[in-house]
């Protein structure tokens, strides 16, 4: 997943920069707090020479942005930022509803949601969307398999039970890959016997045959727009916050290989 993200984002940044000089810096997580590397950022003084920054943020609280604000360095968040920030991200609710409707259109009505993490806003958004869809559709079947310790056994128990779903919505790449592995282990053919939707975050999923339904969040386009916003900020620092939510797109995996 990290390689997919890095490639898509880098390509988008370079496209948006249009020949301008770009420095890429990956901030690892603090091994003690598990927060995005402010400890590393603060140890370096060269960042004072930066003209601007694009911050890839998977959390609603990213402390790096505080350092940038204090240093007076313009930045754009590639993620869902705060109301006072410039940011670009991808729609995360309606696309889940659309994907679930597509499963139903394929005669899949017992749809389980697999995987969630409370500290990841995007994953929680998908779970919230799933629950709202179940309530709206008055679906008699609703089952959630949380990620974390014991996940594989819980998933195996579900797929071998009398209450087995006929489709899975996998909330992330790691969860999707483990679900596919367990299904193969149990000789369950995906997506023929078990419908499947997940995020388009890797070549393995795109190349799966028969093709899977994948949610394309257009990361490369988001990174390009974030870069263009940042370049505009450098010439107009007083510009009001620009916030863009891109539509996510549901695709057959084979489309992503074209």
C-alpha atoms as a PDB file:
ATOM      1  CA  UNK A   1       0.000   0.000   0.000  1.00  0.00           C
ATOM      2  CA  UNK A   2       2.824   2.409   0.868  1.00  0.00           C
ATOM      3  CA  UNK A   3       4.517   1.826  -2.493  1.00  0.00           C
ATOM      4  CA  UNK A   4       1.244   2.451  -4.335  1.00  0.00           C
ATOM      5  CA  UNK A   5       0.576   5.629  -2.359  1.00  0.00           C
ATOM      6  CA  UNK A   6       4.142   6.884  -2.779  1.00  0.00           C
ATOM      7  CA  UNK A   7       4.152   6.332  -6.544  1.00  0.00           C
ATOM      8  CA  UNK A   8       0.740   7.933  -7.113  1.00  0.00           C
ATOM      9  CA  UNK A   9       1.491  10.932  -4.905  1.00  0.00           C
ATOM     10  CA  UNK A  10       4.988  11.505  -6.299  1.00  0.00           C
ATOM     11  CA  UNK A  11       3.724  11.370  -9.876  1.00  0.00           C
ATOM     12  CA  UNK A  12       0.984  13.861  -8.996  1.00  0.00           C
ATOM     13  CA  UNK A  13       3.363  16.247  -7.243  1.00  0.00           C
ATOM     14  CA  UNK A  14       5.833  16.207 -10.133  1.00  0.00           C
ATOM     15  CA  UNK A  15       3.003  16.763 -12.610  1.00  0.00           C
ATOM     16  CA  UNK A  16       1.660  19.717 -10.603  1.00  0.00           C
ATOM     17  CA  UNK A  17       5.137  21.176 -10.046  1.00  0.00           C
ATOM     18  CA  UNK A  18       5.593  21.397 -13.817  1.00  0.00           C
ATOM     19  CA  UNK A  19       9.383  21.422 -13.761  1.00  0.00           C
ATOM     20  CA  UNK A  20       9.851  23.238 -10.431  1.00  0.00           C
ATOM     21  CA  UNK A  21      12.313  21.894  -7.869  1.00  0.00           C
ATOM     22  CA  UNK A  22      10.709  19.410  -5.464  1.00  0.00           C
ATOM     23  CA  UNK A  23      12.099  17.772  -2.311  1.00  0.00           C
ATOM     24  CA  UNK A  24      10.420  14.615  -1.008  1.00  0.00           C
ATOM     25  CA  UNK A  25      10.726  13.907   2.726  1.00  0.00           C
ATOM     26  CA  UNK A  26       9.142  10.962   4.482  1.00  0.00           C
ATOM     27  CA  UNK A  27       8.599  11.421   8.204  1.00  0.00           C
ATOM     28  CA  UNK A  28       8.539   8.070  10.047  1.00  0.00           C
ATOM     29  CA  UNK A  29       6.381   7.487  13.071  1.00  0.00           C
ATOM     30  CA  UNK A  30       7.763   8.119  16.536  1.00  0.00           C
ATOM     31  CA  UNK A  31       8.376   4.624  17.978  1.00  0.00           C
ATOM     32  CA  UNK A  32       7.089   5.740  21.378  1.00  0.00           C
ATOM     33  CA  UNK A  33       4.039   7.874  20.553  1.00  0.00           C
ATOM     34  CA  UNK A  34       3.331   6.420  17.062  1.00  0.00           C
ATOM     35  CA  UNK A  35       2.699   9.983  15.876  1.00  0.00           C
ATOM     36  CA  UNK A  36       3.981  11.244  12.547  1.00  0.00           C
ATOM     37  CA  UNK A  37       7.624  12.252  13.007  1.00  0.00           C
ATOM     38  CA  UNK A  38       7.609  15.695  14.657  1.00  0.00           C
ATOM     39  CA  UNK A  39      10.578  14.438  16.688  1.00  0.00           C
ATOM     40  CA  UNK A  40      12.596  14.065  13.483  1.00  0.00           C
ATOM     41  CA  UNK A  41      11.287  17.272  11.897  1.00  0.00           C
ATOM     42  CA  UNK A  42      12.307  19.380  14.889  1.00  0.00           C
ATOM     43  CA  UNK A  43      15.836  17.958  14.935  1.00  0.00           C
ATOM     44  CA  UNK A  44      16.548  19.506  11.539  1.00  0.00           C
ATOM     45  CA  UNK A  45      16.983  23.216  10.915  1.00  0.00           C
ATOM     46  CA  UNK A  46      17.261  23.114   7.121  1.00  0.00           C
ATOM     47  CA  UNK A  47      13.468  23.178   6.772  1.00  0.00           C
ATOM     48  CA  UNK A  48      13.617  26.921   7.449  1.00  0.00           C
ATOM     49  CA  UNK A  49      14.723  27.318   3.830  1.00  0.00           C
ATOM     50  CA  UNK A  50      11.638  25.648   2.409  1.00  0.00           C
ATOM     51  CA  UNK A  51       9.309  27.730   0.253  1.00  0.00           C
ATOM     52  CA  UNK A  52       6.315  25.516   0.913  1.00  0.00           C
ATOM     53  CA  UNK A  53       5.229  21.989   1.793  1.00  0.00           C
ATOM     54  CA  UNK A  54       2.621  19.375   0.972  1.00  0.00           C
ATOM     55  CA  UNK A  55       1.766  17.338   4.032  1.00  0.00           C
ATOM     56  CA  UNK A  56       0.357  13.859   3.486  1.00  0.00           C
ATOM     57  CA  UNK A  57      -1.831  13.401   6.530  1.00  0.00           C
ATOM     58  CA  UNK A  58      -3.818  10.262   7.364  1.00  0.00           C
ATOM     59  CA  UNK A  59      -4.782  11.645  10.771  1.00  0.00           C
ATOM     60  CA  UNK A  60      -6.980  14.634  11.612  1.00  0.00           C
ATOM     61  CA  UNK A  61      -4.261  15.868  13.968  1.00  0.00           C
ATOM     62  CA  UNK A  62      -0.891  16.192  12.262  1.00  0.00           C
ATOM     63  CA  UNK A  63       1.627  18.029  14.432  1.00  0.00           C
ATOM     64  CA  UNK A  64       3.933  18.798  11.487  1.00  0.00           C
ATOM     65  CA  UNK A  65       1.445  21.424  10.318  1.00  0.00           C
ATOM     66  CA  UNK A  66       1.850  23.254  13.638  1.00  0.00           C
ATOM     67  CA  UNK A  67       5.606  23.510  13.029  1.00  0.00           C
ATOM     68  CA  UNK A  68       5.014  24.817   9.505  1.00  0.00           C
ATOM     69  CA  UNK A  69       2.583  27.448  10.775  1.00  0.00           C
ATOM     70  CA  UNK A  70       5.040  28.593  13.442  1.00  0.00           C
ATOM     71  CA  UNK A  71       7.809  28.825  10.821  1.00  0.00           C
ATOM     72  CA  UNK A  72       5.532  30.778   8.453  1.00  0.00           C
ATOM     73  CA  UNK A  73       5.885  28.150   5.717  1.00  0.00           C
ATOM     74  CA  UNK A  74       2.853  27.797   3.418  1.00  0.00           C
ATOM     75  CA  UNK A  75       1.529  24.252   3.164  1.00  0.00           C
ATOM     76  CA  UNK A  76      -1.319  22.234   1.706  1.00  0.00           C
ATOM     77  CA  UNK A  77      -2.658  19.083   3.328  1.00  0.00           C
ATOM     78  CA  UNK A  78      -3.113  16.036   1.130  1.00  0.00           C
ATOM     79  CA  UNK A  79      -5.857  14.640   3.303  1.00  0.00           C
ATOM     80  CA  UNK A  80      -8.858  16.073   5.098  1.00  0.00           C
ATOM     81  CA  UNK A  81      -7.452  19.107   6.854  1.00  0.00           C
ATOM     82  CA  UNK A  82      -8.937  21.610   9.271  1.00  0.00           C
ATOM     83  CA  UNK A  83     -11.391  24.347   8.292  1.00  0.00           C
ATOM     84  CA  UNK A  84      -8.647  26.998   8.233  1.00  0.00           C
ATOM     85  CA  UNK A  85      -6.298  24.938   6.051  1.00  0.00           C
ATOM     86  CA  UNK A  86      -5.881  24.384   2.326  1.00  0.00           C
ATOM     87  CA  UNK A  87      -6.454  20.717   1.555  1.00  0.00           C
ATOM     88  CA  UNK A  88      -7.346  18.193  -1.133  1.00  0.00           C
ATOM     89  CA  UNK A  89      -8.843  14.779  -0.465  1.00  0.00           C
ATOM     90  CA  UNK A  90     -11.171  12.150  -1.856  1.00  0.00           C
ATOM     91  CA  UNK A  91     -14.852  11.548  -1.179  1.00  0.00           C
ATOM     92  CA  UNK A  92     -15.272   8.660   1.214  1.00  0.00           C
ATOM     93  CA  UNK A  93     -18.978   8.207   1.987  1.00  0.00           C
ATOM     94  CA  UNK A  94     -21.120   8.200  -1.170  1.00  0.00           C
ATOM     95  CA  UNK A  95     -18.657   5.910  -2.935  1.00  0.00           C
ATOM     96  CA  UNK A  96     -19.184   3.281  -0.234  1.00  0.00           C
ATOM     97  CA  UNK A  97     -22.956   3.503  -0.727  1.00  0.00           C
ATOM     98  CA  UNK A  98     -22.477   3.223  -4.499  1.00  0.00           C
ATOM     99  CA  UNK A  99     -20.227   0.169  -4.115  1.00  0.00           C
ATOM    100  CA  UNK A 100     -22.736  -1.555  -1.840  1.00  0.00           C
ATOM    101  CA  UNK A 101     -25.559  -0.834  -4.284  1.00  0.00           C
ATOM    102  CA  UNK A 102     -23.458  -2.391  -7.045  1.00  0.00           C
ATOM    103  CA  UNK A 103     -23.026  -5.548  -4.983  1.00  0.00           C
ATOM    104  CA  UNK A 104     -26.783  -5.738  -4.465  1.00  0.00           C
ATOM    105  CA  UNK A 105     -27.289  -5.288  -8.219  1.00  0.00           C
ATOM    106  CA  UNK A 106     -25.135  -8.404  -8.608  1.00  0.00           C
ATOM    107  CA  UNK A 107     -27.484 -10.341  -6.311  1.00  0.00           C
ATOM    108  CA  UNK A 108     -25.219  -9.949  -3.261  1.00  0.00           C
ATOM    109  CA  UNK A 109     -27.340  -9.025  -0.254  1.00  0.00           C
ATOM    110  CA  UNK A 110     -25.477 -10.468   2.726  1.00  0.00           C
ATOM    111  CA  UNK A 111     -22.606  -7.978   2.811  1.00  0.00           C
ATOM    112  CA  UNK A 112     -20.107  -7.963   5.669  1.00  0.00           C
ATOM    113  CA  UNK A 113     -17.785  -5.061   6.497  1.00  0.00           C
ATOM    114  CA  UNK A 114     -14.271  -6.274   7.241  1.00  0.00           C
ATOM    115  CA  UNK A 115     -11.682  -4.237   9.148  1.00  0.00           C
ATOM    116  CA  UNK A 116     -11.678  -0.954  11.003  1.00  0.00           C
ATOM    117  CA  UNK A 117      -9.251   1.146  13.067  1.00  0.00           C
ATOM    118  CA  UNK A 118     -10.476   3.922  15.347  1.00  0.00           C
ATOM    119  CA  UNK A 119      -7.368   6.084  14.745  1.00  0.00           C
ATOM    120  CA  UNK A 120      -7.807   6.178  10.954  1.00  0.00           C
ATOM    121  CA  UNK A 121     -10.496   8.694   9.903  1.00  0.00           C
ATOM    122  CA  UNK A 122     -10.925   7.255   6.405  1.00  0.00           C
ATOM    123  CA  UNK A 123     -11.540   3.751   7.736  1.00  0.00           C
ATOM    124  CA  UNK A 124     -14.038   5.005  10.277  1.00  0.00           C
ATOM    125  CA  UNK A 125     -15.796   7.000   7.547  1.00  0.00           C
ATOM    126  CA  UNK A 126     -16.209   3.802   5.529  1.00  0.00           C
ATOM    127  CA  UNK A 127     -17.599   1.942   8.526  1.00  0.00           C
ATOM    128  CA  UNK A 128     -20.015   4.809   9.252  1.00  0.00           C
ATOM    129  CA  UNK A 129     -21.118   4.764   5.607  1.00  0.00           C
ATOM    130  CA  UNK A 130     -21.690   1.001   5.750  1.00  0.00           C
ATOM    131  CA  UNK A 131     -23.812   1.292   8.888  1.00  0.00           C
ATOM    132  CA  UNK A 132     -25.840   4.155   7.413  1.00  0.00           C
ATOM    133  CA  UNK A 133     -26.435   2.192   4.220  1.00  0.00           C
ATOM    134  CA  UNK A 134     -27.580  -0.867   6.159  1.00  0.00           C
ATOM    135  CA  UNK A 135     -30.024   1.297   8.131  1.00  0.00           C
ATOM    136  CA  UNK A 136     -31.347   3.060   5.004  1.00  0.00           C
ATOM    137  CA  UNK A 137     -31.838  -0.171   3.088  1.00  0.00           C
ATOM    138  CA  UNK A 138     -33.264  -1.960   6.130  1.00  0.00           C
ATOM    139  CA  UNK A 139     -30.942  -4.822   5.387  1.00  0.00           C
ATOM    140  CA  UNK A 140     -31.635  -7.841   7.581  1.00  0.00           C
ATOM    141  CA  UNK A 141     -27.957  -8.831   7.359  1.00  0.00           C
ATOM    142  CA  UNK A 142     -25.197  -6.683   8.822  1.00  0.00           C
ATOM    143  CA  UNK A 143     -21.917  -8.108  10.072  1.00  0.00           C
ATOM    144  CA  UNK A 144     -18.627  -6.451  11.014  1.00  0.00           C
ATOM    145  CA  UNK A 145     -15.256  -8.116  11.467  1.00  0.00           C
ATOM    146  CA  UNK A 146     -12.925  -5.643  13.217  1.00  0.00           C
ATOM    147  CA  UNK A 147      -9.218  -5.644  12.413  1.00  0.00           C
ATOM    148  CA  UNK A 148      -6.630  -6.245  15.093  1.00  0.00           C
ATOM    149  CA  UNK A 149      -5.688  -9.213  17.251  1.00  0.00           C
ATOM    150  CA  UNK A 150      -7.580 -12.350  16.278  1.00  0.00           C
ATOM    151  CA  UNK A 151      -8.777 -10.889  12.981  1.00  0.00           C
ATOM    152  CA  UNK A 152      -7.842 -13.885  10.828  1.00  0.00           C
ATOM    153  CA  UNK A 153      -9.607 -16.369  13.085  1.00  0.00           C
ATOM    154  CA  UNK A 154     -12.733 -14.202  13.300  1.00  0.00           C
ATOM    155  CA  UNK A 155     -12.761 -13.928   9.517  1.00  0.00           C
ATOM    156  CA  UNK A 156     -12.279 -17.678   9.074  1.00  0.00           C
ATOM    157  CA  UNK A 157     -15.085 -18.354  11.550  1.00  0.00           C
ATOM    158  CA  UNK A 158     -17.412 -16.051   9.610  1.00  0.00           C
ATOM    159  CA  UNK A 159     -16.624 -17.575   6.220  1.00  0.00           C
ATOM    160  CA  UNK A 160     -17.227 -21.103   7.493  1.00  0.00           C
ATOM    161  CA  UNK A 161     -20.389 -20.329   9.478  1.00  0.00           C
ATOM    162  CA  UNK A 162     -24.027 -20.840   8.573  1.00  0.00           C
ATOM    163  CA  UNK A 163     -24.244 -17.046   8.640  1.00  0.00           C
ATOM    164  CA  UNK A 164     -21.633 -16.641   5.903  1.00  0.00           C
ATOM    165  CA  UNK A 165     -21.905 -13.450   3.808  1.00  0.00           C
ATOM    166  CA  UNK A 166     -22.123 -13.560   0.039  1.00  0.00           C
ATOM    167  CA  UNK A 167     -20.026 -10.375  -0.276  1.00  0.00           C
ATOM    168  CA  UNK A 168     -17.269  -8.555   1.584  1.00  0.00           C
ATOM    169  CA  UNK A 169     -16.456  -4.851   1.790  1.00  0.00           C
ATOM    170  CA  UNK A 170     -12.779  -4.761   2.805  1.00  0.00           C
ATOM    171  CA  UNK A 171     -11.833  -1.390   4.284  1.00  0.00           C
ATOM    172  CA  UNK A 172      -8.113  -1.359   3.454  1.00  0.00           C
ATOM    173  CA  UNK A 173      -5.439  -3.124   1.411  1.00  0.00           C
ATOM    174  CA  UNK A 174      -4.010  -5.209   4.262  1.00  0.00           C
ATOM    175  CA  UNK A 175      -7.471  -6.378   5.274  1.00  0.00           C
ATOM    176  CA  UNK A 176      -8.336  -7.115   1.636  1.00  0.00           C
ATOM    177  CA  UNK A 177      -5.217  -9.210   1.067  1.00  0.00           C
ATOM    178  CA  UNK A 178      -5.783 -11.253   4.219  1.00  0.00           C
ATOM    179  CA  UNK A 179      -9.438 -11.781   3.303  1.00  0.00           C
ATOM    180  CA  UNK A 180      -8.465 -13.034  -0.160  1.00  0.00           C
ATOM    181  CA  UNK A 181      -5.846 -15.339   1.371  1.00  0.00           C
ATOM    182  CA  UNK A 182      -8.329 -16.859   3.820  1.00  0.00           C
ATOM    183  CA  UNK A 183     -10.945 -17.269   1.079  1.00  0.00           C
ATOM    184  CA  UNK A 184      -8.425 -19.135  -1.100  1.00  0.00           C
ATOM    185  CA  UNK A 185      -7.458 -21.292   1.857  1.00  0.00           C
ATOM    186  CA  UNK A 186     -11.134 -22.224   2.259  1.00  0.00           C
ATOM    187  CA  UNK A 187     -11.553 -22.822  -1.509  1.00  0.00           C
ATOM    188  CA  UNK A 188     -14.025 -19.928  -1.803  1.00  0.00           C
ATOM    189  CA  UNK A 189     -13.813 -18.358  -5.265  1.00  0.00           C
ATOM    190  CA  UNK A 190     -13.650 -14.559  -5.242  1.00  0.00           C
ATOM    191  CA  UNK A 191     -15.620 -12.794  -6.663  1.00  0.00           C
ATOM    192  CA  UNK A 192     -17.685 -15.663  -8.159  1.00  0.00           C
ATOM    193  CA  UNK A 193     -18.783 -17.188  -4.846  1.00  0.00           C
ATOM    194  CA  UNK A 194     -17.926 -14.258  -2.593  1.00  0.00           C
ATOM    195  CA  UNK A 195     -18.529 -10.741  -3.935  1.00  0.00           C
ATOM    196  CA  UNK A 196     -15.744  -8.329  -3.078  1.00  0.00           C
ATOM    197  CA  UNK A 197     -15.128  -4.567  -2.932  1.00  0.00           C
ATOM    198  CA  UNK A 198     -12.062  -2.799  -1.605  1.00  0.00           C
ATOM    199  CA  UNK A 199      -9.765   0.148  -2.255  1.00  0.00           C
ATOM    200  CA  UNK A 200      -7.623   0.301  -5.418  1.00  0.00           C
ATOM    201  CA  UNK A 201      -4.252   0.320  -3.676  1.00  0.00           C
ATOM    202  CA  UNK A 202      -2.011  -2.130  -5.423  1.00  0.00           C
ATOM    203  CA  UNK A 203      -1.290  -4.080  -8.615  1.00  0.00           C
ATOM    204  CA  UNK A 204      -2.262  -7.456  -7.088  1.00  0.00           C
ATOM    205  CA  UNK A 205      -5.867  -6.339  -6.616  1.00  0.00           C
ATOM    206  CA  UNK A 206      -6.038  -4.723 -10.057  1.00  0.00           C
ATOM    207  CA  UNK A 207      -4.726  -7.892 -11.710  1.00  0.00           C
ATOM    208  CA  UNK A 208      -7.067 -10.275  -9.870  1.00  0.00           C
ATOM    209  CA  UNK A 209      -9.116 -12.533 -12.130  1.00  0.00           C
ATOM    210  CA  UNK A 210     -12.052 -12.471 -12.402  1.00  0.00           C
ATOM    211  CA  UNK A 211     -11.836  -8.677 -11.841  1.00  0.00           C
ATOM    212  CA  UNK A 212     -12.706  -7.199  -8.457  1.00  0.00           C
ATOM    213  CA  UNK A 213     -14.688  -4.026  -7.813  1.00  0.00           C
ATOM    214  CA  UNK A 214     -12.175  -1.410  -6.660  1.00  0.00           C
ATOM    215  CA  UNK A 215     -12.594   2.132  -5.335  1.00  0.00           C
ATOM    216  CA  UNK A 216     -10.172   4.472  -7.089  1.00  0.00           C
ATOM    217  CA  UNK A 217      -9.538   7.571  -4.953  1.00  0.00           C
ATOM    218  CA  UNK A 218      -7.578   9.355  -7.688  1.00  0.00           C
ATOM    219  CA  UNK A 219      -4.539   9.948  -5.493  1.00  0.00           C
ATOM    220  CA  UNK A 220      -2.372  11.165  -8.354  1.00  0.00           C
ATOM    221  CA  UNK A 221      -4.926  13.811  -9.312  1.00  0.00           C
ATOM    222  CA  UNK A 222      -5.306  14.858  -5.669  1.00  0.00           C
ATOM    223  CA  UNK A 223      -1.529  15.304  -5.336  1.00  0.00           C
ATOM    224  CA  UNK A 224      -1.388  17.346  -8.547  1.00  0.00           C
ATOM    225  CA  UNK A 225      -4.153  19.683  -7.365  1.00  0.00           C
ATOM    226  CA  UNK A 226      -2.516  20.055  -3.942  1.00  0.00           C
ATOM    227  CA  UNK A 227       0.744  21.036  -5.636  1.00  0.00           C
ATOM    228  CA  UNK A 228      -1.006  23.582  -7.852  1.00  0.00           C
ATOM    229  CA  UNK A 229      -2.731  25.108  -4.809  1.00  0.00           C
ATOM    230  CA  UNK A 230       0.612  25.359  -3.012  1.00  0.00           C
ATOM    231  CA  UNK A 231       2.261  27.098  -5.976  1.00  0.00           C
ATOM    232  CA  UNK A 232      -0.592  29.613  -6.049  1.00  0.00           C
ATOM    233  CA  UNK A 233      -0.184  30.184  -2.309  1.00  0.00           C
ATOM    234  CA  UNK A 234       3.453  31.129  -2.828  1.00  0.00           C
ATOM    235  CA  UNK A 235       2.347  34.086  -4.967  1.00  0.00           C
ATOM    236  CA  UNK A 236      -0.777  34.909  -2.951  1.00  0.00           C
ATOM    237  CA  UNK A 237      -0.257  34.115   0.728  1.00  0.00           C
ATOM    238  CA  UNK A 238      -3.506  35.884   1.685  1.00  0.00           C
ATOM    239  CA  UNK A 239      -5.690  33.624  -0.459  1.00  0.00           C
ATOM    240  CA  UNK A 240      -8.623  32.137   1.498  1.00  0.00           C
ATOM    241  CA  UNK A 241      -8.437  28.422   2.270  1.00  0.00           C
ATOM    242  CA  UNK A 242      -9.098  26.270  -0.783  1.00  0.00           C
ATOM    243  CA  UNK A 243     -10.551  22.871  -0.005  1.00  0.00           C
ATOM    244  CA  UNK A 244     -11.258  20.292  -2.695  1.00  0.00           C
ATOM    245  CA  UNK A 245     -13.019  16.968  -2.269  1.00  0.00           C
ATOM    246  CA  UNK A 246     -12.489  14.787  -5.316  1.00  0.00           C
ATOM    247  CA  UNK A 247     -15.052  12.150  -6.253  1.00  0.00           C
ATOM    248  CA  UNK A 248     -13.877   8.571  -5.800  1.00  0.00           C
ATOM    249  CA  UNK A 249     -14.654   6.220  -8.689  1.00  0.00           C
ATOM    250  CA  UNK A 250     -15.762   2.587  -8.656  1.00  0.00           C
ATOM    251  CA  UNK A 251     -13.914   0.566 -11.296  1.00  0.00           C
ATOM    252  CA  UNK A 252     -13.359  -2.985 -12.401  1.00  0.00           C
ATOM    253  CA  UNK A 253      -9.815  -3.963 -11.524  1.00  0.00           C
ATOM    254  CA  UNK A 254      -8.965  -4.593 -15.175  1.00  0.00           C
ATOM    255  CA  UNK A 255      -9.693  -0.915 -15.947  1.00  0.00           C
ATOM    256  CA  UNK A 256      -6.814   0.126 -13.702  1.00  0.00           C
ATOM    257  CA  UNK A 257      -4.373  -1.979 -15.715  1.00  0.00           C
ATOM    258  CA  UNK A 258      -5.244  -0.306 -19.004  1.00  0.00           C
END
